[in-house]
Amino acid sequence: MTKIAVLGAGKIGEALLSGLLSAGRSAADLLFTERYPQRAVELTETYGVQAADVATAAARSDVLVVAVKPQDIDPLLAELAPVLGDRMAQGGSEVLVVSLCAGLPTALFEARLPEKTAVVRVMPNTPMLVGEAMSVVSGGRYATEEQLDLVEELLGSVGRVRRAPETQQDAVTALSGSGPAYFFYLVEAMIDAGILVGIPRAMAAELIVQSAVGAATMLRGAEGHPVMLREAVTSPAGTTIAAIRELEKHGVRAALLDAIEAARDRSVELGRANDPSIEGDRTD
């Protein structure tokens, strides 16, 4: 069985551990690293998975899932590189590095780790915490089809997975990586609107959240375009079309387009700051 280590057991790392266990992976085949000892103890007690230091995890595992914050990547790669180098020099099994770090290109890992290290970049999103993630995977220069298949299998335990060229990852980050925040923002505004028209906050929240769950379920099962679902609710001269007119009048659609473009552009900036092939643009 493939041995997997999650490097960085924050919320996303913990969600992946939980999903892998729920999908049938044995706790004995999993490891994790965690900088805070008390949290490491709590995770071991909860999931039965052993904590390890980075060097031990790298020496014992076939797949290293990097789930640290982008600003913590430099010291982690500095610690990983000699361990993986020794392992390769001794003829050890091939190691696959899977990055869940937003904005970090596979080229960064390939430049800092031993030559020909296989790297797969993943853009997940926070619904991973409830087993409903949308994750998009992209292979680096040395990642094989079999390794990409393995990553899809692993991420499939916490949601849905698609494959895309790495050149699309900035757009993916803007659309689905940041996407949950847009929905939360809209729900927040709709709850406030409910209060404005006289509904108590708790009831407004329940009405909107359940409506969102129901609408998402309909979207997932629908064969047609979302516009068809919207039109089914929009009666001539009714309340819904009056609301839609106001949304269009205030440019809500255009604002969403601009927002997603802005998020894409920011992701590009972050990638340039961490791309070893672009000299002079990197910020420490």
Protein backbone atom coordinates (compact mmCIF):
# COMPACT_ATOMS: atom_id res chain seq x y z
CA MET A 1 0.00 0.00 0.00
CA THR A 2 1.21 3.51 -0.84
CA LYS A 3 2.57 5.37 2.18
CA ILE A 4 1.33 8.96 2.32
CA ALA A 5 2.59 11.84 4.46
CA VAL A 6 0.71 15.11 4.86
CA LEU A 7 3.24 17.86 5.53
CA GLY A 8 1.31 20.49 7.44
CA ALA A 9 -1.81 19.30 9.26
CA GLY A 10 -3.78 22.54 9.27
CA LYS A 11 -7.45 22.55 8.32
CA ILE A 12 -6.89 21.38 4.75
CA GLY A 13 -4.26 18.81 5.78
CA GLU A 14 -6.55 17.43 8.48
CA ALA A 15 -9.48 17.30 6.05
CA LEU A 16 -7.38 15.24 3.65
CA LEU A 17 -6.30 12.85 6.40
CA SER A 18 -9.92 12.39 7.44
CA GLY A 19 -11.03 11.83 3.85
CA LEU A 20 -8.32 9.28 3.16
CA LEU A 21 -9.28 7.32 6.26
CA SER A 22 -12.98 7.48 5.33
CA ALA A 23 -12.07 6.17 1.87
CA GLY A 24 -10.49 3.07 3.43
CA ARG A 25 -6.85 4.01 3.83
CA SER A 26 -5.23 2.46 6.89
CA ALA A 27 -3.93 4.81 9.57
CA ALA A 28 -0.73 2.75 9.47
CA ASP A 29 -0.15 3.95 5.89
CA LEU A 30 -0.45 7.63 6.80
CA LEU A 31 1.83 10.13 8.54
CA PHE A 32 1.57 13.83 9.19
CA THR A 33 3.78 16.67 10.35
CA GLU A 34 2.58 19.41 12.69
CA ARG A 35 4.60 22.22 14.27
CA TYR A 36 2.48 22.43 17.43
CA PRO A 37 2.98 19.39 19.72
CA GLN A 38 -0.40 19.63 21.43
CA ARG A 39 -2.25 19.66 18.11
CA ALA A 40 -0.17 16.70 16.93
CA VAL A 41 -1.30 14.76 20.01
CA GLU A 42 -4.93 15.71 19.40
CA LEU A 43 -4.80 14.60 15.74
CA THR A 44 -3.21 11.28 16.66
CA GLU A 45 -5.87 10.67 19.30
CA THR A 46 -8.65 11.58 16.86
CA TYR A 47 -7.49 9.69 13.77
CA GLY A 48 -4.94 7.15 15.00
CA VAL A 49 -2.35 8.53 12.56
CA GLN A 50 1.19 9.02 13.81
CA ALA A 51 2.98 12.36 13.74
CA ALA A 52 6.55 12.57 12.45
CA ASP A 53 9.17 15.17 11.71
CA VAL A 54 9.70 16.23 8.10
CA ALA A 55 12.84 14.15 7.61
CA THR A 56 11.20 10.97 8.89
CA ALA A 57 8.06 11.55 6.81
CA ALA A 58 10.14 12.14 3.68
CA ALA A 59 12.27 9.05 4.28
CA ARG A 60 9.33 6.71 4.86
CA SER A 61 6.66 7.89 2.43
CA ASP A 62 5.90 7.38 -1.25
CA VAL A 63 3.71 10.49 -1.53
CA LEU A 64 4.41 13.79 0.20
CA VAL A 65 1.40 16.10 0.29
CA VAL A 66 2.64 19.63 0.97
CA ALA A 67 -0.11 21.56 2.74
CA VAL A 68 1.82 24.43 4.33
CA LYS A 69 1.25 28.13 3.77
CA PRO A 70 3.17 29.53 0.76
CA GLN A 71 5.32 31.71 3.04
CA ASP A 72 6.54 28.55 4.83
CA ILE A 73 7.64 26.73 1.69
CA ASP A 74 11.32 27.78 1.61
CA PRO A 75 12.37 26.20 4.94
CA LEU A 76 10.32 23.10 4.18
CA LEU A 77 11.96 22.52 0.79
CA ALA A 78 15.38 23.18 2.33
CA GLU A 79 14.65 20.39 4.82
CA LEU A 80 13.20 18.02 2.22
CA ALA A 81 15.91 18.34 -0.43
CA PRO A 82 18.79 16.53 1.33
CA VAL A 83 16.53 13.73 2.58
CA LEU A 84 15.13 13.06 -0.88
CA GLY A 85 18.62 13.38 -2.37
CA ASP A 86 20.00 10.73 0.00
CA ARG A 87 17.03 8.49 -0.69
CA MET A 88 17.53 8.69 -4.45
CA ALA A 89 21.28 8.17 -4.12
CA GLN A 90 20.64 4.97 -2.18
CA GLY A 91 18.31 3.67 -4.88
CA GLY A 92 15.14 4.18 -2.85
CA SER A 93 11.65 4.16 -4.34
CA GLU A 94 10.41 7.14 -6.32
CA VAL A 95 8.78 9.94 -4.32
CA LEU A 96 5.82 11.96 -5.56
CA VAL A 97 5.39 15.51 -4.23
CA VAL A 98 1.84 16.86 -4.28
CA SER A 99 1.51 20.60 -3.62
CA LEU A 100 -1.69 22.07 -2.20
CA CYS A 101 0.01 25.48 -1.87
CA ALA A 102 -1.86 28.23 -3.71
CA GLY A 103 0.16 30.10 -6.31
CA LEU A 104 3.32 27.98 -6.13
CA PRO A 105 4.38 26.59 -9.53
CA THR A 106 5.71 23.07 -9.98
CA ALA A 107 8.91 24.67 -11.30
CA LEU A 108 9.65 25.98 -7.81
CA PHE A 109 9.62 22.46 -6.34
CA GLU A 110 11.54 21.01 -9.28
CA ALA A 111 14.26 23.67 -8.87
CA ARG A 112 14.68 23.16 -5.11
CA LEU A 113 14.34 19.37 -4.89
CA PRO A 114 16.56 16.68 -6.45
CA GLU A 115 16.60 16.50 -10.24
CA LYS A 116 13.57 14.81 -11.85
CA THR A 117 11.46 14.84 -8.70
CA ALA A 118 7.85 14.27 -9.77
CA VAL A 119 5.56 17.12 -8.69
CA VAL A 120 1.80 17.54 -9.03
CA ARG A 121 0.14 20.87 -8.31
CA VAL A 122 -3.37 20.89 -6.85
CA MET A 123 -5.82 23.76 -6.36
CA PRO A 124 -8.42 22.54 -3.85
CA ASN A 125 -10.96 24.64 -2.01
CA THR A 126 -12.28 24.80 1.54
CA PRO A 127 -15.35 22.56 1.03
CA MET A 128 -12.74 19.81 1.40
CA LEU A 129 -13.54 20.25 5.10
CA VAL A 130 -16.98 18.70 4.46
CA GLY A 131 -15.96 16.23 1.76
CA GLU A 132 -17.22 18.44 -1.09
CA ALA A 133 -14.02 19.95 -2.48
CA MET A 134 -13.47 20.92 -6.08
CA SER A 135 -9.83 20.12 -6.79
CA VAL A 136 -7.93 20.65 -10.04
CA VAL A 137 -4.64 18.82 -10.62
CA SER A 138 -1.75 19.66 -12.96
CA GLY A 139 1.37 17.63 -13.52
CA GLY A 140 4.89 19.00 -13.50
CA ARG A 141 7.58 18.05 -16.02
CA TYR A 142 8.32 14.65 -14.48
CA ALA A 143 4.88 13.55 -13.28
CA THR A 144 3.57 10.44 -15.04
CA GLU A 145 0.01 9.53 -16.00
CA GLU A 146 0.01 6.89 -13.27
CA GLN A 147 1.01 9.49 -10.69
CA LEU A 148 -1.70 11.87 -11.85
CA ASP A 149 -4.21 9.03 -11.61
CA LEU A 150 -3.06 8.37 -8.04
CA VAL A 151 -3.49 12.03 -7.07
CA GLU A 152 -6.98 12.05 -8.57
CA GLU A 153 -7.81 8.96 -6.50
CA LEU A 154 -6.49 10.55 -3.30
CA LEU A 155 -8.31 13.86 -3.82
CA GLY A 156 -11.46 12.00 -4.85
CA SER A 157 -11.85 10.99 -1.20
CA VAL A 158 -12.68 14.61 -0.29
CA GLY A 159 -14.70 15.78 -3.30
CA ARG A 160 -14.55 16.05 -7.06
CA VAL A 161 -11.38 16.25 -9.14
CA ARG A 162 -10.55 17.55 -12.60
CA ARG A 163 -7.29 17.70 -14.51
CA ALA A 164 -6.03 20.84 -16.30
CA PRO A 165 -2.79 22.27 -17.74
CA GLU A 166 -0.80 24.23 -15.18
CA THR A 167 -1.23 27.34 -17.34
CA GLN A 168 -4.91 27.33 -16.27
CA GLN A 169 -4.24 27.11 -12.54
CA ASP A 170 -4.38 30.88 -11.97
CA ALA A 171 -7.85 30.94 -13.53
CA VAL A 172 -8.86 27.88 -11.52
CA THR A 173 -7.65 29.60 -8.34
CA ALA A 174 -9.83 32.62 -9.13
CA LEU A 175 -12.91 30.59 -10.04
CA SER A 176 -13.11 27.60 -7.71
CA GLY A 177 -10.24 28.13 -5.27
CA SER A 178 -11.67 31.47 -4.17
CA GLY A 179 -15.20 30.55 -5.28
CA PRO A 180 -16.63 29.57 -1.88
CA ALA A 181 -15.85 33.07 -0.58
CA TYR A 182 -18.02 34.59 -3.30
CA PHE A 183 -20.97 32.42 -2.28
CA PHE A 184 -20.44 33.24 1.40
CA TYR A 185 -20.37 36.93 0.50
CA LEU A 186 -23.64 36.68 -1.41
CA VAL A 187 -25.29 34.68 1.38
CA GLU A 188 -24.15 37.28 3.91
CA ALA A 189 -25.70 40.05 1.79
CA MET A 190 -28.94 38.11 1.34
CA ILE A 191 -29.25 37.53 5.09
CA ASP A 192 -28.81 41.27 5.63
CA ALA A 193 -31.51 41.86 3.03
CA GLY A 194 -33.81 39.50 4.89
CA ILE A 195 -33.31 41.54 8.06
CA LEU A 196 -33.98 44.72 6.08
CA VAL A 197 -37.39 43.44 4.98
CA GLY A 198 -38.34 42.35 8.49
CA ILE A 199 -37.22 38.73 8.95
CA PRO A 200 -35.25 37.84 12.16
CA ARG A 201 -31.57 37.06 11.51
CA ALA A 202 -31.73 33.39 12.55
CA MET A 203 -34.72 32.72 10.33
CA ALA A 204 -33.21 34.69 7.42
CA ALA A 205 -30.04 32.63 7.70
CA GLU A 206 -31.96 29.35 7.70
CA LEU A 207 -34.04 30.40 4.69
CA ILE A 208 -31.03 31.44 2.64
CA VAL A 209 -28.71 28.57 3.57
CA GLN A 210 -31.34 25.95 2.79
CA SER A 211 -32.17 27.73 -0.45
CA ALA A 212 -28.47 27.65 -1.35
CA VAL A 213 -28.22 23.92 -0.57
CA GLY A 214 -31.32 23.18 -2.62
CA ALA A 215 -30.19 25.33 -5.54
CA ALA A 216 -26.75 23.68 -5.56
CA THR A 217 -28.37 20.24 -5.58
CA MET A 218 -30.53 21.24 -8.54
CA LEU A 219 -27.51 22.62 -10.39
CA ARG A 220 -25.55 19.41 -9.86
CA GLY A 221 -28.38 17.30 -11.23
CA ALA A 222 -29.42 19.64 -14.03
CA GLU A 223 -28.71 18.78 -17.65
CA GLY A 224 -29.37 22.29 -18.92
CA HIS A 225 -27.72 25.66 -18.48
CA PRO A 226 -28.21 27.51 -15.14
CA VAL A 227 -30.24 30.10 -17.03
CA MET A 228 -32.93 27.46 -17.59
CA LEU A 229 -33.23 26.89 -13.84
CA ARG A 230 -33.40 30.62 -13.22
CA GLU A 231 -36.07 31.09 -15.88
CA ALA A 232 -38.16 28.37 -14.24
CA VAL A 233 -38.40 30.61 -11.15
CA THR A 234 -38.90 33.84 -13.11
CA SER A 235 -42.59 34.38 -13.85
CA PRO A 236 -43.75 37.20 -16.12
CA ALA A 237 -44.26 40.42 -14.14
CA GLY A 238 -43.44 38.53 -10.93
CA THR A 239 -41.26 39.16 -7.92
CA THR A 240 -38.17 37.36 -9.25
CA ILE A 241 -37.91 39.34 -12.48
CA ALA A 242 -38.23 42.55 -10.48
CA ALA A 243 -35.27 41.45 -8.39
CA ILE A 244 -33.24 40.35 -11.44
CA ARG A 245 -33.83 43.77 -13.03
CA GLU A 246 -32.27 45.43 -9.98
CA LEU A 247 -29.29 43.06 -10.02
CA GLU A 248 -28.68 43.87 -13.68
CA LYS A 249 -29.20 47.60 -13.06
CA HIS A 250 -26.49 47.55 -10.39
CA GLY A 251 -24.07 45.58 -12.53
CA VAL A 252 -23.83 42.48 -10.33
CA ARG A 253 -22.91 40.24 -13.29
CA ALA A 254 -20.20 42.64 -14.46
CA ALA A 255 -18.88 42.96 -10.91
CA LEU A 256 -18.49 39.18 -10.66
CA LEU A 257 -16.63 39.06 -13.97
CA ASP A 258 -14.29 41.83 -12.78
CA ALA A 259 -13.81 40.18 -9.39
CA ILE A 260 -12.77 36.84 -10.88
CA GLU A 261 -10.41 38.57 -13.31
CA ALA A 262 -8.85 40.44 -10.38
CA ALA A 263 -8.40 37.20 -8.43
CA ARG A 264 -6.80 35.58 -11.51
CA ASP A 265 -4.41 38.52 -11.90
CA ARG A 266 -3.43 38.35 -8.22
CA SER A 267 -2.75 34.62 -8.53
CA VAL A 268 -0.46 35.37 -11.50
CA GLU A 269 1.43 37.91 -9.37
CA LEU A 270 1.89 35.40 -6.56
CA GLY A 271 3.11 32.78 -9.02
CA ARG A 272 5.67 35.18 -10.49
CA ALA A 273 6.93 35.98 -7.02
CA ASN A 274 7.68 32.28 -6.49
CA ASP A 275 8.70 31.21 -10.00
CA PRO A 276 12.44 30.45 -10.10
CA SER A 277 12.51 30.95 -13.88
CA ILE A 278 11.61 34.65 -13.53
CA GLU A 279 14.61 36.41 -12.05
CA GLY A 280 14.15 39.68 -10.20
CA ASP A 281 10.41 39.29 -9.57
CA ARG A 282 10.64 37.12 -6.49
CA THR A 283 9.78 38.67 -3.13
CA ASP A 284 10.98 37.18 0.14
